[in-house]
């Protein structure tokens, strides 16, 4: 189990008048039964082309998502053709996602612990990062620069390996969350806004948006976030009690299992506390009913798409925010560093 210690200042913390920005990141991956053990033979990606239904919304609103594709997507000709057409039309960007159990070399046992690739030996993690990176470069003609750890399984060697492989943006961090109970990393106490992962400012972390709302959100100690993940607190139903009392609630910015009003409440609370960069995330397979717990039917899918459009419209019209991309946020971070004369 890894307690991550990567930390840096919020790059945009001293800019209270900065316009809020929203990114959309899609975990583009194979379909599999989330209730069953990981299996290297699960490689079907038919749901990728179904993401066109979300692009009907994105095209109207001017949103360009980043698809973090894994090995199964990058080696599938139909999926690559579809995503390449979006890239060529300027409708999306391509990044990397690493699912170690379907990415060669296959030198580890397939189990929960090894599904977090940061738990693998450094040499094996390096080999898998290089494999998926090279596969994506061959498929899309451009070397990817944006990385997301599958299952958020970043480890003590991961950042160095990403720099070595040429990445300059990572979006693997899940703020205020611990996966220790499942053998994964803990992000408790780490930054929930963009920050540099190395002193040389080679690679920028743009965390997933997960945070707090409620009357105590502004004073809730980030170290206390572990109460939402501890076995004892869950048995005592502490998170639900805190939420029902309106004291503090933890939520993820996603249409998957999070209704629109909860997404709005989260972002309003974070904006009031000076947060300015937000990431909406979901899995590509949710666009085809039956693949994820969040979308089991056509009715679920319609609700899922409504959640996306309603939140994006809220962010633009009520928050006064703008839609951006990973690349643009990194460019802005460099510009801010230059204004502050940071070497």
C-alpha atoms as a PDB file:
ATOM      1  CA  UNK A   1       0.000   0.000   0.000  1.00  0.00           C
ATOM      2  CA  UNK A   2       1.311   3.415  -0.985  1.00  0.00           C
ATOM      3  CA  UNK A   3       0.833   6.721   0.802  1.00  0.00           C
ATOM      4  CA  UNK A   4       1.659   9.209  -1.926  1.00  0.00           C
ATOM      5  CA  UNK A   5       3.744  12.196  -0.935  1.00  0.00           C
ATOM      6  CA  UNK A   6       3.827  14.118  -4.206  1.00  0.00           C
ATOM      7  CA  UNK A   7       2.714  17.631  -3.371  1.00  0.00           C
ATOM      8  CA  UNK A   8       3.060  21.126  -4.687  1.00  0.00           C
ATOM      9  CA  UNK A   9       1.266  24.459  -4.389  1.00  0.00           C
ATOM     10  CA  UNK A  10      -1.974  25.108  -6.236  1.00  0.00           C
ATOM     11  CA  UNK A  11      -0.666  26.948  -9.293  1.00  0.00           C
ATOM     12  CA  UNK A  12      -3.721  29.164  -9.630  1.00  0.00           C
ATOM     13  CA  UNK A  13      -4.416  29.709  -5.899  1.00  0.00           C
ATOM     14  CA  UNK A  14      -3.459  33.385  -5.971  1.00  0.00           C
ATOM     15  CA  UNK A  15      -5.845  34.207  -8.822  1.00  0.00           C
ATOM     16  CA  UNK A  16      -9.289  34.656  -7.218  1.00  0.00           C
ATOM     17  CA  UNK A  17     -10.654  36.378 -10.336  1.00  0.00           C
ATOM     18  CA  UNK A  18      -9.566  33.585 -12.650  1.00  0.00           C
ATOM     19  CA  UNK A  19     -12.410  32.207 -14.775  1.00  0.00           C
ATOM     20  CA  UNK A  20     -13.335  28.646 -13.742  1.00  0.00           C
ATOM     21  CA  UNK A  21     -12.302  26.035 -16.307  1.00  0.00           C
ATOM     22  CA  UNK A  22     -13.687  22.573 -17.013  1.00  0.00           C
ATOM     23  CA  UNK A  23     -12.029  19.599 -18.664  1.00  0.00           C
ATOM     24  CA  UNK A  24     -13.732  16.371 -19.739  1.00  0.00           C
ATOM     25  CA  UNK A  25     -11.728  13.138 -19.448  1.00  0.00           C
ATOM     26  CA  UNK A  26     -13.053   9.809 -20.720  1.00  0.00           C
ATOM     27  CA  UNK A  27     -11.501   6.547 -19.538  1.00  0.00           C
ATOM     28  CA  UNK A  28     -11.527   4.758 -22.894  1.00  0.00           C
ATOM     29  CA  UNK A  29     -11.263   1.065 -22.136  1.00  0.00           C
ATOM     30  CA  UNK A  30     -12.500  -2.457 -22.717  1.00  0.00           C
ATOM     31  CA  UNK A  31     -15.817  -3.776 -21.466  1.00  0.00           C
ATOM     32  CA  UNK A  32     -15.818  -6.197 -18.537  1.00  0.00           C
ATOM     33  CA  UNK A  33     -18.010  -7.287 -15.644  1.00  0.00           C
ATOM     34  CA  UNK A  34     -16.995  -5.068 -12.733  1.00  0.00           C
ATOM     35  CA  UNK A  35     -18.206  -7.676 -10.232  1.00  0.00           C
ATOM     36  CA  UNK A  36     -15.875 -10.409 -11.495  1.00  0.00           C
ATOM     37  CA  UNK A  37     -12.083 -10.855 -11.258  1.00  0.00           C
ATOM     38  CA  UNK A  38      -9.874  -9.124 -13.826  1.00  0.00           C
ATOM     39  CA  UNK A  39      -9.323 -11.223 -16.936  1.00  0.00           C
ATOM     40  CA  UNK A  40      -6.788 -10.698 -19.723  1.00  0.00           C
ATOM     41  CA  UNK A  41      -9.262 -12.142 -22.230  1.00  0.00           C
ATOM     42  CA  UNK A  42     -11.760  -9.283 -21.773  1.00  0.00           C
ATOM     43  CA  UNK A  43     -10.716  -7.078 -24.691  1.00  0.00           C
ATOM     44  CA  UNK A  44     -13.957  -6.068 -26.434  1.00  0.00           C
ATOM     45  CA  UNK A  45     -14.314  -2.318 -27.106  1.00  0.00           C
ATOM     46  CA  UNK A  46     -17.512  -2.109 -29.163  1.00  0.00           C
ATOM     47  CA  UNK A  47     -18.847   0.658 -26.906  1.00  0.00           C
ATOM     48  CA  UNK A  48     -16.231   3.166 -28.117  1.00  0.00           C
ATOM     49  CA  UNK A  49     -18.244   4.200 -31.164  1.00  0.00           C
ATOM     50  CA  UNK A  50     -21.332   4.681 -28.962  1.00  0.00           C
ATOM     51  CA  UNK A  51     -19.589   7.741 -27.511  1.00  0.00           C
ATOM     52  CA  UNK A  52     -20.873   9.608 -30.539  1.00  0.00           C
ATOM     53  CA  UNK A  53     -24.041  10.218 -28.524  1.00  0.00           C
ATOM     54  CA  UNK A  54     -22.058  12.302 -26.044  1.00  0.00           C
ATOM     55  CA  UNK A  55     -20.397  14.180 -28.903  1.00  0.00           C
ATOM     56  CA  UNK A  56     -23.788  15.428 -30.031  1.00  0.00           C
ATOM     57  CA  UNK A  57     -23.734  17.397 -26.773  1.00  0.00           C
ATOM     58  CA  UNK A  58     -20.057  18.349 -26.971  1.00  0.00           C
ATOM     59  CA  UNK A  59     -20.380  19.657 -30.511  1.00  0.00           C
ATOM     60  CA  UNK A  60     -23.253  21.952 -29.502  1.00  0.00           C
ATOM     61  CA  UNK A  61     -21.419  23.313 -26.478  1.00  0.00           C
ATOM     62  CA  UNK A  62     -17.875  23.465 -27.841  1.00  0.00           C
ATOM     63  CA  UNK A  63     -16.352  20.772 -25.618  1.00  0.00           C
ATOM     64  CA  UNK A  64     -13.296  18.758 -26.676  1.00  0.00           C
ATOM     65  CA  UNK A  65     -12.787  15.782 -24.313  1.00  0.00           C
ATOM     66  CA  UNK A  66      -9.572  13.850 -23.750  1.00  0.00           C
ATOM     67  CA  UNK A  67      -9.870  10.110 -24.327  1.00  0.00           C
ATOM     68  CA  UNK A  68      -7.313   8.280 -22.187  1.00  0.00           C
ATOM     69  CA  UNK A  69      -7.141   5.050 -24.173  1.00  0.00           C
ATOM     70  CA  UNK A  70      -5.787   1.756 -22.934  1.00  0.00           C
ATOM     71  CA  UNK A  71      -4.078  -1.132 -24.718  1.00  0.00           C
ATOM     72  CA  UNK A  72      -7.300  -2.818 -25.825  1.00  0.00           C
ATOM     73  CA  UNK A  73      -8.614   0.351 -27.463  1.00  0.00           C
ATOM     74  CA  UNK A  74      -5.308   1.263 -29.089  1.00  0.00           C
ATOM     75  CA  UNK A  75      -4.944  -2.152 -30.724  1.00  0.00           C
ATOM     76  CA  UNK A  76      -8.532  -2.297 -32.036  1.00  0.00           C
ATOM     77  CA  UNK A  77      -8.807  -0.996 -35.649  1.00  0.00           C
ATOM     78  CA  UNK A  78     -12.464   0.048 -35.399  1.00  0.00           C
ATOM     79  CA  UNK A  79     -11.940   1.979 -32.167  1.00  0.00           C
ATOM     80  CA  UNK A  80      -8.797   3.642 -33.519  1.00  0.00           C
ATOM     81  CA  UNK A  81     -10.538   4.645 -36.755  1.00  0.00           C
ATOM     82  CA  UNK A  82     -13.416   6.209 -34.811  1.00  0.00           C
ATOM     83  CA  UNK A  83     -11.199   8.143 -32.401  1.00  0.00           C
ATOM     84  CA  UNK A  84      -8.829   9.209 -35.166  1.00  0.00           C
ATOM     85  CA  UNK A  85     -11.755  10.738 -37.035  1.00  0.00           C
ATOM     86  CA  UNK A  86     -12.602  12.796 -33.942  1.00  0.00           C
ATOM     87  CA  UNK A  87      -8.979  13.887 -33.539  1.00  0.00           C
ATOM     88  CA  UNK A  88      -8.704  14.973 -37.174  1.00  0.00           C
ATOM     89  CA  UNK A  89     -11.875  17.048 -36.808  1.00  0.00           C
ATOM     90  CA  UNK A  90     -10.523  18.711 -33.656  1.00  0.00           C
ATOM     91  CA  UNK A  91     -13.234  17.131 -31.496  1.00  0.00           C
ATOM     92  CA  UNK A  92     -11.011  15.359 -28.966  1.00  0.00           C
ATOM     93  CA  UNK A  93      -7.479  14.694 -27.749  1.00  0.00           C
ATOM     94  CA  UNK A  94      -5.816  11.348 -27.051  1.00  0.00           C
ATOM     95  CA  UNK A  95      -4.050  10.356 -23.848  1.00  0.00           C
ATOM     96  CA  UNK A  96      -2.983   7.093 -22.250  1.00  0.00           C
ATOM     97  CA  UNK A  97      -4.599   4.874 -19.649  1.00  0.00           C
ATOM     98  CA  UNK A  98      -2.770   1.837 -18.308  1.00  0.00           C
ATOM     99  CA  UNK A  99      -4.698  -1.304 -17.383  1.00  0.00           C
ATOM    100  CA  UNK A 100      -1.803  -3.594 -16.460  1.00  0.00           C
ATOM    101  CA  UNK A 101      -3.753  -6.844 -16.691  1.00  0.00           C
ATOM    102  CA  UNK A 102      -4.339  -6.377 -20.455  1.00  0.00           C
ATOM    103  CA  UNK A 103      -0.993  -4.710 -21.247  1.00  0.00           C
ATOM    104  CA  UNK A 104       2.129  -6.762 -22.073  1.00  0.00           C
ATOM    105  CA  UNK A 105       4.485  -7.980 -20.794  1.00  0.00           C
ATOM    106  CA  UNK A 106       2.387 -10.434 -18.819  1.00  0.00           C
ATOM    107  CA  UNK A 107       4.890 -11.205 -16.074  1.00  0.00           C
ATOM    108  CA  UNK A 108       2.608 -10.721 -13.062  1.00  0.00           C
ATOM    109  CA  UNK A 109      -0.335 -12.591 -11.594  1.00  0.00           C
ATOM    110  CA  UNK A 110      -3.739 -11.111 -12.362  1.00  0.00           C
ATOM    111  CA  UNK A 111      -5.253  -9.995  -9.065  1.00  0.00           C
ATOM    112  CA  UNK A 112      -6.543  -6.895  -7.280  1.00  0.00           C
ATOM    113  CA  UNK A 113      -3.157  -5.890  -5.866  1.00  0.00           C
ATOM    114  CA  UNK A 114      -1.428  -6.036  -9.265  1.00  0.00           C
ATOM    115  CA  UNK A 115      -4.291  -4.176 -10.944  1.00  0.00           C
ATOM    116  CA  UNK A 116      -2.743  -1.062  -9.374  1.00  0.00           C
ATOM    117  CA  UNK A 117       0.315  -0.829 -11.605  1.00  0.00           C
ATOM    118  CA  UNK A 118       2.180   1.266  -9.047  1.00  0.00           C
ATOM    119  CA  UNK A 119       2.438  -1.929  -6.984  1.00  0.00           C
ATOM    120  CA  UNK A 120       4.433  -3.702  -9.715  1.00  0.00           C
ATOM    121  CA  UNK A 121       8.225  -3.909  -9.758  1.00  0.00           C
ATOM    122  CA  UNK A 122       9.695  -0.793 -11.365  1.00  0.00           C
ATOM    123  CA  UNK A 123      11.049  -2.686 -14.382  1.00  0.00           C
ATOM    124  CA  UNK A 124       7.664  -4.270 -15.124  1.00  0.00           C
ATOM    125  CA  UNK A 125       5.764  -1.012 -14.650  1.00  0.00           C
ATOM    126  CA  UNK A 126       8.218   0.674 -17.025  1.00  0.00           C
ATOM    127  CA  UNK A 127       7.743  -2.052 -19.623  1.00  0.00           C
ATOM    128  CA  UNK A 128       3.954  -1.781 -19.492  1.00  0.00           C
ATOM    129  CA  UNK A 129       4.028   2.025 -19.729  1.00  0.00           C
ATOM    130  CA  UNK A 130       6.309   1.753 -22.758  1.00  0.00           C
ATOM    131  CA  UNK A 131       4.108  -0.891 -24.382  1.00  0.00           C
ATOM    132  CA  UNK A 132       0.867   1.067 -24.194  1.00  0.00           C
ATOM    133  CA  UNK A 133       2.621   4.331 -25.118  1.00  0.00           C
ATOM    134  CA  UNK A 134       4.210   2.807 -28.216  1.00  0.00           C
ATOM    135  CA  UNK A 135       0.926   1.151 -29.228  1.00  0.00           C
ATOM    136  CA  UNK A 136      -0.915   4.467 -29.022  1.00  0.00           C
ATOM    137  CA  UNK A 137       1.802   6.260 -30.970  1.00  0.00           C
ATOM    138  CA  UNK A 138       1.586   3.675 -33.742  1.00  0.00           C
ATOM    139  CA  UNK A 139      -2.215   3.808 -33.798  1.00  0.00           C
ATOM    140  CA  UNK A 140      -2.653   7.594 -33.771  1.00  0.00           C
ATOM    141  CA  UNK A 141       0.603   8.807 -35.297  1.00  0.00           C
ATOM    142  CA  UNK A 142       1.472  11.053 -32.342  1.00  0.00           C
ATOM    143  CA  UNK A 143       3.195  10.138 -29.098  1.00  0.00           C
ATOM    144  CA  UNK A 144       0.768  10.672 -26.185  1.00  0.00           C
ATOM    145  CA  UNK A 145       1.710  13.239 -23.537  1.00  0.00           C
ATOM    146  CA  UNK A 146      -1.247  12.830 -21.143  1.00  0.00           C
ATOM    147  CA  UNK A 147      -1.393   9.871 -18.759  1.00  0.00           C
ATOM    148  CA  UNK A 148      -3.980   8.375 -16.424  1.00  0.00           C
ATOM    149  CA  UNK A 149      -3.275   5.396 -14.204  1.00  0.00           C
ATOM    150  CA  UNK A 150      -5.901   2.694 -14.565  1.00  0.00           C
ATOM    151  CA  UNK A 151      -7.720   2.237 -11.240  1.00  0.00           C
ATOM    152  CA  UNK A 152      -5.787   5.380 -10.178  1.00  0.00           C
ATOM    153  CA  UNK A 153      -2.952   2.976  -9.394  1.00  0.00           C
ATOM    154  CA  UNK A 154      -0.090   5.432  -9.300  1.00  0.00           C
ATOM    155  CA  UNK A 155       2.896   4.348  -7.201  1.00  0.00           C
ATOM    156  CA  UNK A 156       6.282   5.533  -5.917  1.00  0.00           C
ATOM    157  CA  UNK A 157       8.026   4.965  -9.266  1.00  0.00           C
ATOM    158  CA  UNK A 158       5.283   6.078 -11.619  1.00  0.00           C
ATOM    159  CA  UNK A 159       6.050   9.782 -12.016  1.00  0.00           C
ATOM    160  CA  UNK A 160       9.711   9.167 -12.812  1.00  0.00           C
ATOM    161  CA  UNK A 161       8.723   6.546 -15.371  1.00  0.00           C
ATOM    162  CA  UNK A 162       6.220   8.915 -16.988  1.00  0.00           C
ATOM    163  CA  UNK A 163       8.847  11.645 -17.330  1.00  0.00           C
ATOM    164  CA  UNK A 164      11.204   9.061 -18.805  1.00  0.00           C
ATOM    165  CA  UNK A 165       8.517   8.096 -21.358  1.00  0.00           C
ATOM    166  CA  UNK A 166       7.904  11.723 -22.384  1.00  0.00           C
ATOM    167  CA  UNK A 167       4.649  12.560 -20.605  1.00  0.00           C
ATOM    168  CA  UNK A 168       4.004  16.124 -19.454  1.00  0.00           C
ATOM    169  CA  UNK A 169       0.505  15.839 -17.901  1.00  0.00           C
ATOM    170  CA  UNK A 170      -0.841  13.291 -15.427  1.00  0.00           C
ATOM    171  CA  UNK A 171      -4.466  13.021 -14.282  1.00  0.00           C
ATOM    172  CA  UNK A 172      -4.260  10.007 -11.962  1.00  0.00           C
ATOM    173  CA  UNK A 173      -4.807  11.649  -8.567  1.00  0.00           C
ATOM    174  CA  UNK A 174      -8.122  11.192  -6.722  1.00  0.00           C
ATOM    175  CA  UNK A 175      -8.128  13.872  -4.012  1.00  0.00           C
ATOM    176  CA  UNK A 176      -9.334  13.142  -0.476  1.00  0.00           C
ATOM    177  CA  UNK A 177      -9.542   9.398  -1.177  1.00  0.00           C
ATOM    178  CA  UNK A 178      -7.790   6.253   0.008  1.00  0.00           C
ATOM    179  CA  UNK A 179      -7.710   2.919  -1.816  1.00  0.00           C
ATOM    180  CA  UNK A 180      -5.680   1.257   0.947  1.00  0.00           C
ATOM    181  CA  UNK A 181      -8.470  -1.187   1.795  1.00  0.00           C
ATOM    182  CA  UNK A 182      -8.106  -2.653  -1.706  1.00  0.00           C
ATOM    183  CA  UNK A 183      -4.307  -2.567  -1.827  1.00  0.00           C
ATOM    184  CA  UNK A 184      -4.130   0.707  -3.750  1.00  0.00           C
ATOM    185  CA  UNK A 185      -2.665   4.156  -3.017  1.00  0.00           C
ATOM    186  CA  UNK A 186      -3.936   6.868  -0.699  1.00  0.00           C
ATOM    187  CA  UNK A 187      -4.376  10.455  -1.875  1.00  0.00           C
ATOM    188  CA  UNK A 188      -5.447  11.764   1.540  1.00  0.00           C
ATOM    189  CA  UNK A 189      -4.021  15.198   2.279  1.00  0.00           C
ATOM    190  CA  UNK A 190      -2.895  15.915  -1.292  1.00  0.00           C
ATOM    191  CA  UNK A 191      -3.772  18.861  -3.505  1.00  0.00           C
ATOM    192  CA  UNK A 192      -7.083  18.880  -5.401  1.00  0.00           C
ATOM    193  CA  UNK A 193      -6.012  21.529  -7.956  1.00  0.00           C
ATOM    194  CA  UNK A 194      -3.259  21.457 -10.628  1.00  0.00           C
ATOM    195  CA  UNK A 195       0.325  21.363  -9.370  1.00  0.00           C
ATOM    196  CA  UNK A 196       3.764  20.430 -10.678  1.00  0.00           C
ATOM    197  CA  UNK A 197       4.927  16.928  -9.831  1.00  0.00           C
ATOM    198  CA  UNK A 198       8.634  17.703 -10.147  1.00  0.00           C
ATOM    199  CA  UNK A 199      10.884  20.659  -9.382  1.00  0.00           C
ATOM    200  CA  UNK A 200      11.816  21.030 -13.045  1.00  0.00           C
ATOM    201  CA  UNK A 201       8.126  21.500 -13.976  1.00  0.00           C
ATOM    202  CA  UNK A 202       8.265  18.690 -16.491  1.00  0.00           C
ATOM    203  CA  UNK A 203       4.935  17.097 -15.634  1.00  0.00           C
ATOM    204  CA  UNK A 204       1.751  18.753 -14.395  1.00  0.00           C
ATOM    205  CA  UNK A 205      -0.791  16.963 -12.221  1.00  0.00           C
ATOM    206  CA  UNK A 206      -4.422  17.789 -13.029  1.00  0.00           C
ATOM    207  CA  UNK A 207      -6.372  15.837 -10.402  1.00  0.00           C
ATOM    208  CA  UNK A 208      -9.792  14.326 -10.845  1.00  0.00           C
ATOM    209  CA  UNK A 209     -12.377  16.594  -9.221  1.00  0.00           C
ATOM    210  CA  UNK A 210     -13.451  15.135  -5.915  1.00  0.00           C
ATOM    211  CA  UNK A 211     -14.221  17.338  -2.960  1.00  0.00           C
ATOM    212  CA  UNK A 212     -16.548  18.500  -0.238  1.00  0.00           C
ATOM    213  CA  UNK A 213     -19.777  20.415   0.078  1.00  0.00           C
ATOM    214  CA  UNK A 214     -21.922  21.198   3.092  1.00  0.00           C
ATOM    215  CA  UNK A 215     -21.810  23.815   5.849  1.00  0.00           C
ATOM    216  CA  UNK A 216     -18.491  22.476   7.188  1.00  0.00           C
ATOM    217  CA  UNK A 217     -16.824  21.967   3.797  1.00  0.00           C
ATOM    218  CA  UNK A 218     -14.601  25.016   4.166  1.00  0.00           C
ATOM    219  CA  UNK A 219     -13.243  23.972   7.555  1.00  0.00           C
ATOM    220  CA  UNK A 220     -13.268  20.190   7.172  1.00  0.00           C
ATOM    221  CA  UNK A 221      -9.638  19.027   7.656  1.00  0.00           C
ATOM    222  CA  UNK A 222      -8.405  17.242   4.522  1.00  0.00           C
ATOM    223  CA  UNK A 223      -6.709  14.685   6.758  1.00  0.00           C
ATOM    224  CA  UNK A 224     -10.188  13.710   8.000  1.00  0.00           C
ATOM    225  CA  UNK A 225     -11.212  12.601   4.521  1.00  0.00           C
ATOM    226  CA  UNK A 226     -10.164   9.063   5.448  1.00  0.00           C
ATOM    227  CA  UNK A 227     -13.392   8.820   7.460  1.00  0.00           C
ATOM    228  CA  UNK A 228     -15.169   8.339   4.119  1.00  0.00           C
ATOM    229  CA  UNK A 229     -13.074   5.254   3.281  1.00  0.00           C
ATOM    230  CA  UNK A 230     -12.382   3.538   6.592  1.00  0.00           C
ATOM    231  CA  UNK A 231     -14.129   0.238   7.258  1.00  0.00           C
ATOM    232  CA  UNK A 232     -15.207   1.335  10.729  1.00  0.00           C
ATOM    233  CA  UNK A 233     -16.715   4.626   9.523  1.00  0.00           C
ATOM    234  CA  UNK A 234     -18.562   2.836   6.739  1.00  0.00           C
ATOM    235  CA  UNK A 235     -19.953   0.248   9.172  1.00  0.00           C
ATOM    236  CA  UNK A 236     -21.152   3.106  11.386  1.00  0.00           C
ATOM    237  CA  UNK A 237     -22.567   4.838   8.290  1.00  0.00           C
ATOM    238  CA  UNK A 238     -20.699   8.000   9.244  1.00  0.00           C
ATOM    239  CA  UNK A 239     -20.439   9.411   5.684  1.00  0.00           C
ATOM    240  CA  UNK A 240     -24.196   9.114   5.168  1.00  0.00           C
ATOM    241  CA  UNK A 241     -24.959  10.694   8.535  1.00  0.00           C
ATOM    242  CA  UNK A 242     -22.650  13.647   7.833  1.00  0.00           C
ATOM    243  CA  UNK A 243     -24.283  14.118   4.439  1.00  0.00           C
ATOM    244  CA  UNK A 244     -27.892  13.901   5.659  1.00  0.00           C
ATOM    245  CA  UNK A 245     -27.166  16.443   8.392  1.00  0.00           C
ATOM    246  CA  UNK A 246     -25.840  18.825   5.742  1.00  0.00           C
ATOM    247  CA  UNK A 247     -22.485  19.011   7.517  1.00  0.00           C
ATOM    248  CA  UNK A 248     -20.113  17.659   4.896  1.00  0.00           C
ATOM    249  CA  UNK A 249     -20.504  15.477   1.842  1.00  0.00           C
ATOM    250  CA  UNK A 250     -17.830  14.079  -0.462  1.00  0.00           C
ATOM    251  CA  UNK A 251     -18.632  13.739  -4.145  1.00  0.00           C
ATOM    252  CA  UNK A 252     -16.961  13.142  -7.495  1.00  0.00           C
ATOM    253  CA  UNK A 253     -17.633  15.296 -10.535  1.00  0.00           C
ATOM    254  CA  UNK A 254     -19.058  12.593 -12.793  1.00  0.00           C
ATOM    255  CA  UNK A 255     -22.394  11.596 -14.335  1.00  0.00           C
ATOM    256  CA  UNK A 256     -21.674   8.054 -13.100  1.00  0.00           C
ATOM    257  CA  UNK A 257     -23.715   7.579  -9.944  1.00  0.00           C
ATOM    258  CA  UNK A 258     -23.814  11.319  -9.172  1.00  0.00           C
ATOM    259  CA  UNK A 259     -27.018  13.200  -9.961  1.00  0.00           C
ATOM    260  CA  UNK A 260     -26.784  16.662 -11.468  1.00  0.00           C
ATOM    261  CA  UNK A 261     -27.812  18.512  -8.306  1.00  0.00           C
ATOM    262  CA  UNK A 262     -24.952  16.856  -6.401  1.00  0.00           C
ATOM    263  CA  UNK A 263     -22.459  17.779  -9.114  1.00  0.00           C
ATOM    264  CA  UNK A 264     -23.682  21.368  -9.023  1.00  0.00           C
ATOM    265  CA  UNK A 265     -23.531  21.525  -5.231  1.00  0.00           C
ATOM    266  CA  UNK A 266     -19.947  20.229  -5.269  1.00  0.00           C
ATOM    267  CA  UNK A 267     -18.707  22.730  -7.856  1.00  0.00           C
ATOM    268  CA  UNK A 268     -20.511  25.700  -6.272  1.00  0.00           C
ATOM    269  CA  UNK A 269     -18.857  24.864  -2.953  1.00  0.00           C
ATOM    270  CA  UNK A 270     -15.411  24.479  -4.487  1.00  0.00           C
ATOM    271  CA  UNK A 271     -15.680  27.695  -6.511  1.00  0.00           C
ATOM    272  CA  UNK A 272     -16.664  29.602  -3.370  1.00  0.00           C
ATOM    273  CA  UNK A 273     -13.478  28.282  -1.750  1.00  0.00           C
ATOM    274  CA  UNK A 274     -11.284  29.513  -4.597  1.00  0.00           C
ATOM    275  CA  UNK A 275     -10.998  26.375  -6.747  1.00  0.00           C
ATOM    276  CA  UNK A 276     -10.784  27.145 -10.438  1.00  0.00           C
ATOM    277  CA  UNK A 277      -9.978  23.967 -12.428  1.00  0.00           C
ATOM    278  CA  UNK A 278     -12.446  21.076 -12.629  1.00  0.00           C
ATOM    279  CA  UNK A 279     -12.482  17.702 -14.380  1.00  0.00           C
ATOM    280  CA  UNK A 280     -15.631  15.803 -15.368  1.00  0.00           C
ATOM    281  CA  UNK A 281     -14.865  12.101 -15.796  1.00  0.00           C
ATOM    282  CA  UNK A 282     -16.565   8.860 -16.815  1.00  0.00           C
ATOM    283  CA  UNK A 283     -15.884   5.563 -18.611  1.00  0.00           C
ATOM    284  CA  UNK A 284     -16.373   5.140 -22.357  1.00  0.00           C
ATOM    285  CA  UNK A 285     -18.204   1.859 -21.748  1.00  0.00           C
ATOM    286  CA  UNK A 286     -21.005   3.695 -19.900  1.00  0.00           C
ATOM    287  CA  UNK A 287     -22.264   4.925 -23.283  1.00  0.00           C
ATOM    288  CA  UNK A 288     -23.476   1.401 -24.070  1.00  0.00           C
ATOM    289  CA  UNK A 289     -26.041   0.000 -21.595  1.00  0.00           C
ATOM    290  CA  UNK A 290     -25.044  -3.062 -19.597  1.00  0.00           C
ATOM    291  CA  UNK A 291     -21.312  -2.464 -19.339  1.00  0.00           C
ATOM    292  CA  UNK A 292     -21.026  -0.489 -16.099  1.00  0.00           C
ATOM    293  CA  UNK A 293     -23.116  -0.352 -12.918  1.00  0.00           C
ATOM    294  CA  UNK A 294     -24.109   3.217 -13.800  1.00  0.00           C
ATOM    295  CA  UNK A 295     -25.889   2.550 -17.103  1.00  0.00           C
ATOM    296  CA  UNK A 296     -27.885  -0.688 -17.228  1.00  0.00           C
ATOM    297  CA  UNK A 297     -30.656   0.323 -19.654  1.00  0.00           C
ATOM    298  CA  UNK A 298     -31.596   2.792 -22.375  1.00  0.00           C
ATOM    299  CA  UNK A 299     -33.445   4.839 -19.761  1.00  0.00           C
ATOM    300  CA  UNK A 300     -30.259   4.972 -17.680  1.00  0.00           C
ATOM    301  CA  UNK A 301     -28.340   6.122 -20.753  1.00  0.00           C
ATOM    302  CA  UNK A 302     -30.807   8.927 -21.475  1.00  0.00           C
ATOM    303  CA  UNK A 303     -30.485  10.088 -17.855  1.00  0.00           C
ATOM    304  CA  UNK A 304     -26.690   9.815 -18.105  1.00  0.00           C
ATOM    305  CA  UNK A 305     -26.596  12.082 -21.166  1.00  0.00           C
ATOM    306  CA  UNK A 306     -29.017  14.542 -19.554  1.00  0.00           C
ATOM    307  CA  UNK A 307     -26.687  14.765 -16.543  1.00  0.00           C
ATOM    308  CA  UNK A 308     -23.754  15.602 -18.813  1.00  0.00           C
ATOM    309  CA  UNK A 309     -25.599  18.300 -20.740  1.00  0.00           C
ATOM    310  CA  UNK A 310     -27.297  19.837 -17.704  1.00  0.00           C
ATOM    311  CA  UNK A 311     -24.042  20.101 -15.785  1.00  0.00           C
ATOM    312  CA  UNK A 312     -22.097  21.540 -18.725  1.00  0.00           C
ATOM    313  CA  UNK A 313     -24.833  24.111 -19.308  1.00  0.00           C
ATOM    314  CA  UNK A 314     -24.817  25.036 -15.614  1.00  0.00           C
ATOM    315  CA  UNK A 315     -21.049  25.429 -15.613  1.00  0.00           C
ATOM    316  CA  UNK A 316     -21.118  27.721 -18.632  1.00  0.00           C
ATOM    317  CA  UNK A 317     -24.224  29.770 -17.847  1.00  0.00           C
ATOM    318  CA  UNK A 318     -24.370  29.957 -14.039  1.00  0.00           C
ATOM    319  CA  UNK A 319     -20.746  29.613 -12.995  1.00  0.00           C
ATOM    320  CA  UNK A 320     -19.544  31.632 -15.979  1.00  0.00           C
ATOM    321  CA  UNK A 321     -16.958  28.970 -16.681  1.00  0.00           C
ATOM    322  CA  UNK A 322     -15.214  27.971 -19.886  1.00  0.00           C
ATOM    323  CA  UNK A 323     -14.360  24.590 -21.388  1.00  0.00           C
ATOM    324  CA  UNK A 324     -10.696  23.776 -21.854  1.00  0.00           C
ATOM    325  CA  UNK A 325      -8.240  20.924 -22.447  1.00  0.00           C
ATOM    326  CA  UNK A 326      -5.327  19.321 -20.620  1.00  0.00           C
ATOM    327  CA  UNK A 327      -2.858  20.877 -23.039  1.00  0.00           C
ATOM    328  CA  UNK A 328      -4.249  24.378 -22.527  1.00  0.00           C
ATOM    329  CA  UNK A 329      -4.146  24.105 -18.735  1.00  0.00           C
ATOM    330  CA  UNK A 330      -0.510  23.026 -18.882  1.00  0.00           C
ATOM    331  CA  UNK A 331       0.309  25.972 -21.154  1.00  0.00           C
ATOM    332  CA  UNK A 332      -1.420  28.297 -18.689  1.00  0.00           C
ATOM    333  CA  UNK A 333       0.558  26.786 -15.817  1.00  0.00           C
ATOM    334  CA  UNK A 334       3.790  27.549 -17.677  1.00  0.00           C
ATOM    335  CA  UNK A 335       2.661  31.098 -18.351  1.00  0.00           C
ATOM    336  CA  UNK A 336       1.841  31.585 -14.676  1.00  0.00           C
ATOM    337  CA  UNK A 337       5.243  30.224 -13.694  1.00  0.00           C
ATOM    338  CA  UNK A 338       6.880  32.718 -16.058  1.00  0.00           C
ATOM    339  CA  UNK A 339       4.910  35.628 -14.629  1.00  0.00           C
ATOM    340  CA  UNK A 340       6.100  34.665 -11.186  1.00  0.00           C
ATOM    341  CA  UNK A 341       9.672  34.282 -12.487  1.00  0.00           C
ATOM    342  CA  UNK A 342       9.863  30.691 -11.328  1.00  0.00           C
ATOM    343  CA  UNK A 343      12.886  29.016 -12.965  1.00  0.00           C
END
